Amino acid sequence: MQCRPYVTQFPIGTDWVLALSKDLRTEKRELAISGCGEYWLRVDGSNVVGKVTDGSSKAKPEIISLPDFRKLLKPAT
């Protein structure tokens, strides 16, 4: 009923980077993927694949190395 993906989109044995947040609608404030949008990237070997720098609906998937992706997550010093 929600526009977020079912768990079957993330098959056992595959690796993903997920942007999770506390679900304020649950009593335990469990972690969840946001209800709408794409908040996941597939890990393929030593690369991350998906909408890395442009999350718009028309953006094409990008491929970026895991080390470069980690640099994007760290704040600038």
PDB file of N, CA and C in Angstrom:
ATOM      1  N   MET A   1       0.811  -1.197   0.000  1.00  0.00           N
ATOM      2  CA  MET A   1       0.000   0.000   0.000  1.00  0.00           C
ATOM      3  C   MET A   1       0.859   1.268   0.000  1.00  0.00           C
ATOM      4  N   GLN A   2       2.128   1.146   0.413  1.00  0.00           N
ATOM      5  CA  GLN A   2       2.992   2.312   0.410  1.00  0.00           C
ATOM      6  C   GLN A   2       3.830   2.299  -0.863  1.00  0.00           C
ATOM      7  N   CYS A   3       4.416   3.431  -1.180  1.00  0.00           N
ATOM      8  CA  CYS A   3       5.211   3.469  -2.409  1.00  0.00           C
ATOM      9  C   CYS A   3       6.657   3.044  -2.169  1.00  0.00           C
ATOM     10  N   ARG A   4       7.012   2.681  -0.945  1.00  0.00           N
ATOM     11  CA  ARG A   4       8.358   2.152  -0.725  1.00  0.00           C
ATOM     12  C   ARG A   4       8.394   0.697  -1.173  1.00  0.00           C
ATOM     13  N   PRO A   5       9.585   0.189  -1.500  1.00  0.00           N
ATOM     14  CA  PRO A   5       9.671  -1.161  -2.060  1.00  0.00           C
ATOM     15  C   PRO A   5       9.435  -2.242  -1.004  1.00  0.00           C
ATOM     16  N   TYR A   6       8.953  -3.380  -1.472  1.00  0.00           N
ATOM     17  CA  TYR A   6       8.837  -4.540  -0.606  1.00  0.00           C
ATOM     18  C   TYR A   6      10.219  -5.129  -0.398  1.00  0.00           C
ATOM     19  N   VAL A   7      10.388  -5.870   0.660  1.00  0.00           N
ATOM     20  CA  VAL A   7      11.685  -6.459   0.997  1.00  0.00           C
ATOM     21  C   VAL A   7      12.189  -7.368  -0.118  1.00  0.00           C
ATOM     22  N   THR A   8      11.306  -7.888  -0.952  1.00  0.00           N
ATOM     23  CA  THR A   8      11.723  -8.766  -2.043  1.00  0.00           C
ATOM     24  C   THR A   8      12.580  -8.040  -3.081  1.00  0.00           C
ATOM     25  N   GLN A   9      12.575  -6.714  -3.076  1.00  0.00           N
ATOM     26  CA  GLN A   9      13.433  -5.966  -3.995  1.00  0.00           C
ATOM     27  C   GLN A   9      14.902  -6.075  -3.578  1.00  0.00           C
ATOM     28  N   PHE A  10      15.149  -6.502  -2.357  1.00  0.00           N
ATOM     29  CA  PHE A  10      16.498  -6.627  -1.824  1.00  0.00           C
ATOM     30  C   PHE A  10      16.776  -8.096  -1.524  1.00  0.00           C
ATOM     31  N   PRO A  11      17.071  -8.898  -2.552  1.00  0.00           N
ATOM     32  CA  PRO A  11      17.212 -10.346  -2.381  1.00  0.00           C
ATOM     33  C   PRO A  11      18.323 -10.734  -1.401  1.00  0.00           C
ATOM     34  N   ILE A  12      18.116 -11.844  -0.735  1.00  0.00           N
ATOM     35  CA  ILE A  12      19.131 -12.396   0.154  1.00  0.00           C
ATOM     36  C   ILE A  12      20.406 -12.609  -0.648  1.00  0.00           C
ATOM     37  N   GLY A  13      21.546 -12.264  -0.070  1.00  0.00           N
ATOM     38  CA  GLY A  13      22.830 -12.435  -0.724  1.00  0.00           C
ATOM     39  C   GLY A  13      23.283 -11.221  -1.516  1.00  0.00           C
ATOM     40  N   THR A  14      22.459 -10.178  -1.568  1.00  0.00           N
ATOM     41  CA  THR A  14      22.856  -8.948  -2.252  1.00  0.00           C
ATOM     42  C   THR A  14      23.161  -7.883  -1.208  1.00  0.00           C
ATOM     43  N   ASP A  15      23.939  -6.888  -1.595  1.00  0.00           N
ATOM     44  CA  ASP A  15      24.326  -5.821  -0.675  1.00  0.00           C
ATOM     45  C   ASP A  15      23.747  -4.496  -1.151  1.00  0.00           C
ATOM     46  N   TRP A  16      23.315  -3.692  -0.186  1.00  0.00           N
ATOM     47  CA  TRP A  16      22.660  -2.420  -0.478  1.00  0.00           C
ATOM     48  C   TRP A  16      23.113  -1.354   0.512  1.00  0.00           C
ATOM     49  N   VAL A  17      23.080  -0.120   0.078  1.00  0.00           N
ATOM     50  CA  VAL A  17      23.232   1.033   0.963  1.00  0.00           C
ATOM     51  C   VAL A  17      21.830   1.606   1.102  1.00  0.00           C
ATOM     52  N   LEU A  18      21.339   1.692   2.329  1.00  0.00           N
ATOM     53  CA  LEU A  18      19.980   2.178   2.571  1.00  0.00           C
ATOM     54  C   LEU A  18      20.029   3.452   3.415  1.00  0.00           C
ATOM     55  N   ALA A  19      19.222   4.414   3.063  1.00  0.00           N
ATOM     56  CA  ALA A  19      19.058   5.615   3.885  1.00  0.00           C
ATOM     57  C   ALA A  19      17.842   5.369   4.769  1.00  0.00           C
ATOM     58  N   LEU A  20      18.103   5.089   6.024  1.00  0.00           N
ATOM     59  CA  LEU A  20      17.038   4.753   6.963  1.00  0.00           C
ATOM     60  C   LEU A  20      16.782   5.915   7.913  1.00  0.00           C
ATOM     61  N   SER A  21      15.563   5.981   8.386  1.00  0.00           N
ATOM     62  CA  SER A  21      15.215   6.970   9.404  1.00  0.00           C
ATOM     63  C   SER A  21      14.287   6.300  10.404  1.00  0.00           C
ATOM     64  N   LYS A  22      14.155   6.910  11.565  1.00  0.00           N
ATOM     65  CA  LYS A  22      13.252   6.356  12.571  1.00  0.00           C
ATOM     66  C   LYS A  22      11.825   6.581  12.110  1.00  0.00           C
ATOM     67  N   ASP A  23      11.046   5.516  12.138  1.00  0.00           N
ATOM     68  CA  ASP A  23       9.645   5.594  11.738  1.00  0.00           C
ATOM     69  C   ASP A  23       8.848   6.121  12.925  1.00  0.00           C
ATOM     70  N   LEU A  24       8.450   7.363  12.868  1.00  0.00           N
ATOM     71  CA  LEU A  24       7.760   8.000  13.980  1.00  0.00           C
ATOM     72  C   LEU A  24       6.339   7.477  14.178  1.00  0.00           C
ATOM     73  N   ARG A  25       5.872   6.665  13.245  1.00  0.00           N
ATOM     74  CA  ARG A  25       4.509   6.130  13.352  1.00  0.00           C
ATOM     75  C   ARG A  25       4.455   4.852  14.177  1.00  0.00           C
ATOM     76  N   THR A  26       5.609   4.282  14.517  1.00  0.00           N
ATOM     77  CA  THR A  26       5.609   3.060  15.309  1.00  0.00           C
ATOM     78  C   THR A  26       5.980   3.376  16.750  1.00  0.00           C
ATOM     79  N   GLU A  27       5.492   2.576  17.641  1.00  0.00           N
ATOM     80  CA  GLU A  27       5.743   2.800  19.066  1.00  0.00           C
ATOM     81  C   GLU A  27       7.223   2.691  19.403  1.00  0.00           C
ATOM     82  N   LYS A  28       7.923   1.747  18.770  1.00  0.00           N
ATOM     83  CA  LYS A  28       9.340   1.526  19.056  1.00  0.00           C
ATOM     84  C   LYS A  28      10.247   2.424  18.226  1.00  0.00           C
ATOM     85  N   ARG A  29       9.669   3.239  17.339  1.00  0.00           N
ATOM     86  CA  ARG A  29      10.440   4.111  16.451  1.00  0.00           C
ATOM     87  C   ARG A  29      11.486   3.295  15.688  1.00  0.00           C
ATOM     88  N   GLU A  30      11.000   2.226  15.071  1.00  0.00           N
ATOM     89  CA  GLU A  30      11.870   1.339  14.305  1.00  0.00           C
ATOM     90  C   GLU A  30      12.422   2.047  13.084  1.00  0.00           C
ATOM     91  N   LEU A  31      13.501   1.504  12.533  1.00  0.00           N
ATOM     92  CA  LEU A  31      14.087   2.074  11.328  1.00  0.00           C
ATOM     93  C   LEU A  31      13.303   1.646  10.106  1.00  0.00           C
ATOM     94  N   ALA A  32      13.197   2.552   9.144  1.00  0.00           N
ATOM     95  CA  ALA A  32      12.449   2.259   7.926  1.00  0.00           C
ATOM     96  C   ALA A  32      12.995   3.098   6.779  1.00  0.00           C
ATOM     97  N   ILE A  33      12.733   2.626   5.559  1.00  0.00           N
ATOM     98  CA  ILE A  33      13.001   3.423   4.367  1.00  0.00           C
ATOM     99  C   ILE A  33      11.848   4.400   4.234  1.00  0.00           C
ATOM    100  N   SER A  34      12.132   5.611   3.830  1.00  0.00           N
ATOM    101  CA  SER A  34      11.085   6.611   3.671  1.00  0.00           C
ATOM    102  C   SER A  34       9.963   6.089   2.775  1.00  0.00           C
ATOM    103  N   GLY A  35       8.768   6.592   2.975  1.00  0.00           N
ATOM    104  CA  GLY A  35       7.594   6.114   2.259  1.00  0.00           C
ATOM    105  C   GLY A  35       7.610   6.356   0.764  1.00  0.00           C
ATOM    106  N   CYS A  36       8.203   7.435   0.307  1.00  0.00           N
ATOM    107  CA  CYS A  36       8.227   7.733  -1.126  1.00  0.00           C
ATOM    108  C   CYS A  36       9.617   8.204  -1.529  1.00  0.00           C
ATOM    109  N   GLY A  37      10.014   7.870  -2.722  1.00  0.00           N
ATOM    110  CA  GLY A  37      11.326   8.228  -3.229  1.00  0.00           C
ATOM    111  C   GLY A  37      12.223   7.003  -3.291  1.00  0.00           C
ATOM    112  N   GLU A  38      13.440   7.199  -3.748  1.00  0.00           N
ATOM    113  CA  GLU A  38      14.414   6.109  -3.831  1.00  0.00           C
ATOM    114  C   GLU A  38      15.524   6.389  -2.836  1.00  0.00           C
ATOM    115  N   TYR A  39      15.591   5.563  -1.812  1.00  0.00           N
ATOM    116  CA  TYR A  39      16.552   5.750  -0.739  1.00  0.00           C
ATOM    117  C   TYR A  39      17.427   4.519  -0.573  1.00  0.00           C
ATOM    118  N   TRP A  40      17.861   3.954  -1.686  1.00  0.00           N
ATOM    119  CA  TRP A  40      18.701   2.768  -1.653  1.00  0.00           C
ATOM    120  C   TRP A  40      19.602   2.761  -2.878  1.00  0.00           C
ATOM    121  N   LEU A  41      20.782   2.163  -2.706  1.00  0.00           N
ATOM    122  CA  LEU A  41      21.749   2.008  -3.785  1.00  0.00           C
ATOM    123  C   LEU A  41      22.262   0.576  -3.739  1.00  0.00           C
ATOM    124  N   ARG A  42      22.405  -0.036  -4.883  1.00  0.00           N
ATOM    125  CA  ARG A  42      22.908  -1.412  -4.956  1.00  0.00           C
ATOM    126  C   ARG A  42      24.428  -1.399  -4.909  1.00  0.00           C
ATOM    127  N   VAL A  43      24.991  -2.315  -4.142  1.00  0.00           N
ATOM    128  CA  VAL A  43      26.443  -2.491  -4.123  1.00  0.00           C
ATOM    129  C   VAL A  43      26.759  -3.619  -5.091  1.00  0.00           C
ATOM    130  N   ASP A  44      27.620  -3.316  -6.058  1.00  0.00           N
ATOM    131  CA  ASP A  44      28.008  -4.287  -7.090  1.00  0.00           C
ATOM    132  C   ASP A  44      29.528  -4.401  -7.067  1.00  0.00           C
ATOM    133  N   GLY A  45      30.036  -5.398  -6.364  1.00  0.00           N
ATOM    134  CA  GLY A  45      31.483  -5.538  -6.217  1.00  0.00           C
ATOM    135  C   GLY A  45      32.029  -4.400  -5.385  1.00  0.00           C
ATOM    136  N   SER A  46      32.912  -3.608  -5.981  1.00  0.00           N
ATOM    137  CA  SER A  46      33.498  -2.478  -5.255  1.00  0.00           C
ATOM    138  C   SER A  46      32.878  -1.153  -5.685  1.00  0.00           C
ATOM    139  N   ASN A  47      31.684  -1.224  -6.269  1.00  0.00           N
ATOM    140  CA  ASN A  47      30.983  -0.024  -6.729  1.00  0.00           C
ATOM    141  C   ASN A  47      29.600   0.085  -6.107  1.00  0.00           C
ATOM    142  N   VAL A  48      29.094   1.310  -6.089  1.00  0.00           N
ATOM    143  CA  VAL A  48      27.716   1.597  -5.702  1.00  0.00           C
ATOM    144  C   VAL A  48      27.010   2.037  -6.978  1.00  0.00           C
ATOM    145  N   VAL A  49      25.802   1.501  -7.198  1.00  0.00           N
ATOM    146  CA  VAL A  49      25.063   1.783  -8.432  1.00  0.00           C
ATOM    147  C   VAL A  49      23.690   2.346  -8.084  1.00  0.00           C
ATOM    148  N   GLY A  50      23.330   3.460  -8.693  1.00  0.00           N
ATOM    149  CA  GLY A  50      22.015   4.057  -8.482  1.00  0.00           C
ATOM    150  C   GLY A  50      22.083   5.560  -8.647  1.00  0.00           C
ATOM    151  N   LYS A  51      21.075   6.231  -8.164  1.00  0.00           N
ATOM    152  CA  LYS A  51      21.007   7.688  -8.240  1.00  0.00           C
ATOM    153  C   LYS A  51      21.824   8.261  -7.081  1.00  0.00           C
ATOM    154  N   VAL A  52      23.133   8.359  -7.297  1.00  0.00           N
ATOM    155  CA  VAL A  52      24.059   8.740  -6.232  1.00  0.00           C
ATOM    156  C   VAL A  52      24.022  10.240  -5.962  1.00  0.00           C
ATOM    157  N   THR A  53      24.164  11.056  -6.986  1.00  0.00           N
ATOM    158  CA  THR A  53      24.266  12.505  -6.789  1.00  0.00           C
ATOM    159  C   THR A  53      23.027  13.267  -7.242  1.00  0.00           C
ATOM    160  N   ASP A  54      22.147  12.630  -7.988  1.00  0.00           N
ATOM    161  CA  ASP A  54      20.926  13.282  -8.474  1.00  0.00           C
ATOM    162  C   ASP A  54      19.760  12.334  -8.224  1.00  0.00           C
ATOM    163  N   GLY A  55      18.924  12.671  -7.260  1.00  0.00           N
ATOM    164  CA  GLY A  55      17.809  11.806  -6.900  1.00  0.00           C
ATOM    165  C   GLY A  55      16.517  12.104  -7.637  1.00  0.00           C
ATOM    166  N   SER A  56      16.574  12.952  -8.657  1.00  0.00           N
ATOM    167  CA  SER A  56      15.344  13.300  -9.374  1.00  0.00           C
ATOM    168  C   SER A  56      14.797  12.089 -10.137  1.00  0.00           C
ATOM    169  N   SER A  57      13.523  12.133 -10.427  1.00  0.00           N
ATOM    170  CA  SER A  57      12.875  11.004 -11.093  1.00  0.00           C
ATOM    171  C   SER A  57      13.435  10.754 -12.492  1.00  0.00           C
ATOM    172  N   LYS A  58      13.997  11.762 -13.130  1.00  0.00           N
ATOM    173  CA  LYS A  58      14.524  11.603 -14.489  1.00  0.00           C
ATOM    174  C   LYS A  58      16.022  11.269 -14.516  1.00  0.00           C
ATOM    175  N   ALA A  59      16.651  11.248 -13.346  1.00  0.00           N
ATOM    176  CA  ALA A  59      18.088  10.970 -13.285  1.00  0.00           C
ATOM    177  C   ALA A  59      18.369   9.530 -13.689  1.00  0.00           C
ATOM    178  N   LYS A  60      19.510   9.340 -14.321  1.00  0.00           N
ATOM    179  CA  LYS A  60      19.939   7.997 -14.714  1.00  0.00           C
ATOM    180  C   LYS A  60      20.858   7.439 -13.635  1.00  0.00           C
ATOM    181  N   PRO A  61      20.871   6.112 -13.473  1.00  0.00           N
ATOM    182  CA  PRO A  61      21.763   5.513 -12.475  1.00  0.00           C
ATOM    183  C   PRO A  61      23.228   5.836 -12.768  1.00  0.00           C
ATOM    184  N   GLU A  62      23.984   6.025 -11.697  1.00  0.00           N
ATOM    185  CA  GLU A  62      25.420   6.285 -11.784  1.00  0.00           C
ATOM    186  C   GLU A  62      26.155   5.107 -11.168  1.00  0.00           C
ATOM    187  N   ILE A  63      27.420   4.988 -11.508  1.00  0.00           N
ATOM    188  CA  ILE A  63      28.301   3.997 -10.888  1.00  0.00           C
ATOM    189  C   ILE A  63      29.442   4.768 -10.246  1.00  0.00           C
ATOM    190  N   ILE A  64      29.668   4.517  -8.962  1.00  0.00           N
ATOM    191  CA  ILE A  64      30.733   5.199  -8.235  1.00  0.00           C
ATOM    192  C   ILE A  64      31.415   4.173  -7.335  1.00  0.00           C
ATOM    193  N   SER A  65      32.729   4.298  -7.176  1.00  0.00           N
ATOM    194  CA  SER A  65      33.452   3.341  -6.335  1.00  0.00           C
ATOM    195  C   SER A  65      33.042   3.525  -4.868  1.00  0.00           C
ATOM    196  N   LEU A  66      33.139   2.460  -4.087  1.00  0.00           N
ATOM    197  CA  LEU A  66      32.817   2.555  -2.663  1.00  0.00           C
ATOM    198  C   LEU A  66      33.677   3.595  -1.950  1.00  0.00           C
ATOM    199  N   PRO A  67      35.005   3.653  -2.200  1.00  0.00           N
ATOM    200  CA  PRO A  67      35.793   4.699  -1.537  1.00  0.00           C
ATOM    201  C   PRO A  67      35.312   6.119  -1.894  1.00  0.00           C
ATOM    202  N   ASP A  68      34.978   6.352  -3.164  1.00  0.00           N
ATOM    203  CA  ASP A  68      34.478   7.671  -3.551  1.00  0.00           C
ATOM    204  C   ASP A  68      33.113   7.954  -2.929  1.00  0.00           C
ATOM    205  N   PHE A  69      32.279   6.934  -2.817  1.00  0.00           N
ATOM    206  CA  PHE A  69      30.969   7.099  -2.183  1.00  0.00           C
ATOM    207  C   PHE A  69      31.136   7.458  -0.704  1.00  0.00           C
ATOM    208  N   ARG A  70      32.051   6.789  -0.033  1.00  0.00           N
ATOM    209  CA  ARG A  70      32.300   7.094   1.384  1.00  0.00           C
ATOM    210  C   ARG A  70      32.749   8.543   1.553  1.00  0.00           C
ATOM    211  N   LYS A  71      33.541   9.052   0.613  1.00  0.00           N
ATOM    212  CA  LYS A  71      33.976  10.446   0.675  1.00  0.00           C
ATOM    213  C   LYS A  71      32.786  11.394   0.576  1.00  0.00           C
ATOM    214  N   LEU A  72      31.790  11.032  -0.242  1.00  0.00           N
ATOM    215  CA  LEU A  72      30.598  11.871  -0.376  1.00  0.00           C
ATOM    216  C   LEU A  72      29.821  11.951   0.936  1.00  0.00           C
ATOM    217  N   LEU A  73      29.887  10.890   1.743  1.00  0.00           N
ATOM    218  CA  LEU A  73      29.128  10.850   2.995  1.00  0.00           C
ATOM    219  C   LEU A  73      29.792  11.622   4.117  1.00  0.00           C
ATOM    220  N   LYS A  74      31.100  11.806   4.039  1.00  0.00           N
ATOM    221  CA  LYS A  74      31.810  12.514   5.090  1.00  0.00           C
ATOM    222  C   LYS A  74      31.685  14.006   4.884  1.00  0.00           C
ATOM    223  N   PRO A  75      31.456  14.752   5.974  1.00  0.00           N
ATOM    224  CA  PRO A  75      31.362  16.203   5.828  1.00  0.00           C
ATOM    225  C   PRO A  75      32.714  16.802   5.453  1.00  0.00           C
ATOM    226  N   ALA A  76      32.671  17.890   4.719  1.00  0.00           N
ATOM    227  CA  ALA A  76      33.897  18.584   4.325  1.00  0.00           C
ATOM    228  C   ALA A  76      34.555  19.178   5.570  1.00  0.00           C
ATOM    229  N   THR A  77      35.869  19.129   5.597  1.00  0.00           N
ATOM    230  CA  THR A  77      36.587  19.694   6.756  1.00  0.00           C
ATOM    231  C   THR A  77      37.294  20.974   6.397  1.00  0.00           C
TER     232      THR A  77
END
